[in-house]
Amino acid sequence: MLLKLLKRETHDLHVEAERHVRILDPDATEAQYVRYLQRMYGFHAAIEAAFADHAELAAAGFDAAGRSKRGLIEADLAILGAPTGPLASIPDVRGLARGAGAAYVVEGSTLGGAFILAKMPAQRTARFLAGYGDDTGPRWKQFAAVVAQVTDEAAAIAAARDTFATLIAWLEEPARPQPRPFFREARA
């Protein structure tokens, strides 16, 4: 199954990405959280625009508008009184395989948001991290059906790796020495 292959072939970059999400560090400030949201906005707004115009992903059943997180991030930033920030340059997502590979990273981060949210201070607005809420599991299964239609595994893996690398660079946060244990447990 391609989802398992994507997980295995991007594991190193997944762990590296986790090291650059610093909002749960003991000394994390609200300013760091705002910056994280601004960077995630720039990434999501750019890649979601590409997904919105992606006919092959749509034909495979990927509901780009229904999966958009941009509005959630905008709402969090508005509550915090912060602007959205610039847009990221994203990797090539053309074609079903590359689109699904890139979407794997975005949809997987929605799963990770629940783990981050459980560790966040209660006073922080976190619509973005809540993602799909109770629908997260069912939406992941729907996404799995999209990925199952991909025949070019190498292109999907390359796109997922490119997307992880882009996100890591875009976050512009120094890496913590080790990933948080709960991230490793969540993937087991």
Protein backbone atom coordinates (compact mmCIF):
# COMPACT_ATOMS: atom_id res chain seq x y z
CA MET A 1 0.00 0.00 0.00
CA LEU A 2 1.35 3.41 -0.99
CA LEU A 3 0.48 5.09 2.32
CA LYS A 4 2.78 2.69 4.17
CA LEU A 5 5.48 3.24 1.57
CA LEU A 6 5.13 7.02 1.87
CA LYS A 7 5.40 6.75 5.66
CA ARG A 8 8.53 4.61 5.45
CA GLU A 9 10.23 6.63 2.71
CA THR A 10 9.61 10.00 4.40
CA HIS A 11 10.23 8.96 8.00
CA ASP A 12 13.56 10.79 8.23
CA LEU A 13 12.03 14.05 7.01
CA HIS A 14 8.97 13.62 9.23
CA VAL A 15 11.21 13.35 12.28
CA GLU A 16 13.24 16.32 11.08
CA ALA A 17 10.09 18.42 10.59
CA GLU A 18 8.99 17.62 14.14
CA ARG A 19 12.32 18.93 15.42
CA HIS A 20 11.53 22.33 13.85
CA VAL A 21 8.10 22.74 15.47
CA ARG A 22 9.12 24.51 18.67
CA ILE A 23 5.75 25.70 20.02
CA LEU A 24 5.71 23.08 22.78
CA ASP A 25 9.15 23.84 24.11
CA PRO A 26 9.05 24.74 27.82
CA ASP A 27 10.26 28.27 27.04
CA ALA A 28 8.00 28.81 23.99
CA THR A 29 6.37 32.22 23.89
CA GLU A 30 3.16 33.48 22.37
CA ALA A 31 5.29 35.36 19.83
CA GLN A 32 6.80 32.04 18.73
CA TYR A 33 3.32 30.55 18.42
CA VAL A 34 2.21 33.50 16.30
CA ARG A 35 5.26 33.08 14.09
CA TYR A 36 4.53 29.36 13.74
CA LEU A 37 0.96 30.14 12.66
CA GLN A 38 2.19 32.76 10.20
CA ARG A 39 4.64 30.30 8.65
CA MET A 40 1.97 27.59 8.49
CA TYR A 41 -0.39 30.09 6.87
CA GLY A 42 2.18 30.88 4.18
CA PHE A 43 2.73 27.20 3.50
CA HIS A 44 -0.94 26.17 3.57
CA ALA A 45 -2.23 29.13 1.55
CA ALA A 46 0.29 28.40 -1.21
CA ILE A 47 -0.14 24.64 -1.40
CA GLU A 48 -3.91 24.77 -0.96
CA ALA A 49 -4.13 27.16 -3.93
CA ALA A 50 -2.30 24.56 -6.01
CA PHE A 51 -4.61 21.81 -4.75
CA ALA A 52 -7.70 23.93 -5.54
CA ASP A 53 -6.68 24.07 -9.22
CA HIS A 54 -5.64 20.40 -9.38
CA ALA A 55 -8.10 18.61 -11.68
CA GLU A 56 -6.48 15.17 -11.25
CA LEU A 57 -6.66 15.29 -7.45
CA ALA A 58 -10.28 16.46 -7.65
CA ALA A 59 -11.17 13.65 -10.07
CA ALA A 60 -9.62 11.17 -7.63
CA GLY A 61 -11.92 12.45 -4.87
CA PHE A 62 -9.68 14.98 -3.10
CA ASP A 63 -11.92 17.80 -1.86
CA ALA A 64 -9.41 20.65 -1.74
CA ALA A 65 -11.91 23.25 -0.51
CA GLY A 66 -13.23 20.96 2.22
CA ARG A 67 -9.70 20.18 3.42
CA SER A 68 -8.42 23.76 3.48
CA LYS A 69 -6.81 24.92 6.74
CA ARG A 70 -6.12 28.46 5.55
CA GLY A 71 -9.28 29.88 7.11
CA LEU A 72 -8.56 28.16 10.42
CA ILE A 73 -5.11 29.72 10.56
CA GLU A 74 -6.50 33.13 9.57
CA ALA A 75 -9.02 32.87 12.43
CA ASP A 76 -6.31 31.95 14.96
CA LEU A 77 -4.11 34.83 13.81
CA ALA A 78 -7.03 37.28 13.91
CA ILE A 79 -7.78 36.32 17.52
CA LEU A 80 -4.11 36.86 18.34
CA GLY A 81 -4.14 40.22 16.53
CA ALA A 82 -1.47 39.15 14.03
CA PRO A 83 -1.21 39.43 10.23
CA THR A 84 -0.98 36.35 8.03
CA GLY A 85 2.52 36.74 6.56
CA PRO A 86 4.07 35.86 3.18
CA LEU A 87 3.38 32.81 1.03
CA ALA A 88 5.85 29.96 0.59
CA SER A 89 7.21 28.70 -2.69
CA ILE A 90 5.95 25.14 -3.00
CA PRO A 91 7.26 22.16 -4.93
CA ASP A 92 5.72 20.92 -8.16
CA VAL A 93 2.40 19.19 -7.39
CA ARG A 94 1.27 18.60 -10.98
CA GLY A 95 -0.06 15.15 -11.79
CA LEU A 96 -1.98 12.81 -9.53
CA ALA A 97 1.11 11.15 -8.04
CA ARG A 98 2.91 14.39 -7.15
CA GLY A 99 -0.32 15.98 -5.91
CA ALA A 100 -1.11 13.01 -3.69
CA GLY A 101 2.47 12.91 -2.38
CA ALA A 102 2.33 16.58 -1.40
CA ALA A 103 -1.15 16.15 0.07
CA TYR A 104 0.19 13.25 2.17
CA VAL A 105 2.38 15.72 4.05
CA VAL A 106 -0.44 18.23 4.53
CA GLU A 107 -3.03 15.65 5.56
CA GLY A 108 -0.54 13.88 7.82
CA SER A 109 0.16 17.15 9.62
CA THR A 110 -3.56 17.31 10.42
CA LEU A 111 -3.20 14.03 12.28
CA GLY A 112 -0.17 15.44 14.11
CA GLY A 113 -2.09 18.57 15.06
CA ALA A 114 -4.23 16.55 17.47
CA PHE A 115 -1.12 15.43 19.36
CA ILE A 116 0.22 18.97 19.52
CA LEU A 117 -3.17 20.31 20.62
CA ALA A 118 -3.32 17.85 23.52
CA LYS A 119 -0.06 19.31 24.86
CA MET A 120 -0.85 22.99 24.21
CA PRO A 121 -1.70 25.48 26.94
CA ALA A 122 -5.50 25.71 27.12
CA GLN A 123 -5.54 29.49 26.73
CA ARG A 124 -4.12 29.43 23.20
CA THR A 125 -6.45 29.60 20.24
CA ALA A 126 -5.87 26.49 18.19
CA ARG A 127 -8.48 26.10 15.46
CA PHE A 128 -5.75 25.17 13.01
CA LEU A 129 -4.33 22.41 15.20
CA ALA A 130 -7.83 21.04 15.83
CA GLY A 131 -8.05 20.45 12.07
CA TYR A 132 -11.08 18.35 11.25
CA GLY A 133 -11.87 17.62 14.90
CA ASP A 134 -13.88 14.42 15.23
CA ASP A 135 -13.80 13.96 11.45
CA THR A 136 -10.00 13.60 11.32
CA GLY A 137 -9.99 9.79 11.25
CA PRO A 138 -12.73 9.44 8.61
CA ARG A 139 -11.11 12.11 6.45
CA TRP A 140 -7.78 10.28 6.62
CA LYS A 141 -9.55 7.15 5.34
CA GLN A 142 -11.06 9.21 2.50
CA PHE A 143 -7.60 10.49 1.68
CA ALA A 144 -6.27 6.91 1.67
CA ALA A 145 -8.78 6.16 -1.11
CA VAL A 146 -7.29 9.00 -3.16
CA VAL A 147 -3.75 7.73 -2.62
CA ALA A 148 -4.82 4.21 -3.58
CA GLN A 149 -5.45 5.48 -7.12
CA VAL A 150 -1.82 6.54 -7.62
CA THR A 151 0.19 4.30 -9.93
CA ASP A 152 3.51 6.20 -9.95
CA GLU A 153 4.84 5.48 -6.48
CA ALA A 154 8.26 7.03 -7.16
CA ALA A 155 6.71 10.38 -8.13
CA ALA A 156 4.47 10.37 -5.05
CA ILE A 157 7.42 9.66 -2.75
CA ALA A 158 9.55 12.33 -4.43
CA ALA A 159 6.77 14.89 -4.04
CA ALA A 160 6.24 13.99 -0.38
CA ARG A 161 9.96 14.33 0.31
CA ASP A 162 10.08 17.65 -1.59
CA THR A 163 7.08 18.91 0.38
CA PHE A 164 8.59 17.94 3.73
CA ALA A 165 11.88 19.61 2.77
CA THR A 166 10.04 22.75 1.70
CA LEU A 167 8.07 22.87 4.96
CA ILE A 168 11.20 22.39 7.08
CA ALA A 169 13.01 25.22 5.29
CA TRP A 170 9.92 27.43 5.42
CA LEU A 171 9.49 27.06 9.19
CA GLU A 172 12.89 28.71 9.67
CA GLU A 173 13.14 27.44 13.23
CA PRO A 174 16.29 25.94 14.74
CA ALA A 175 15.87 22.24 15.39
CA ARG A 176 15.63 20.81 18.89
CA PRO A 177 18.14 18.01 19.51
CA GLN A 178 15.53 15.20 19.59
CA PRO A 179 11.90 14.90 18.51
CA ARG A 180 9.30 14.84 21.23
CA PRO A 181 8.56 11.29 22.44
CA PHE A 182 4.82 11.60 21.85
CA PHE A 183 5.42 12.25 18.15
CA ARG A 184 7.41 9.03 17.85
CA GLU A 185 4.74 7.09 19.76
CA ALA A 186 1.96 8.47 17.57
CA ARG A 187 3.51 6.98 14.46
CA ALA A 188 4.18 3.55 15.96
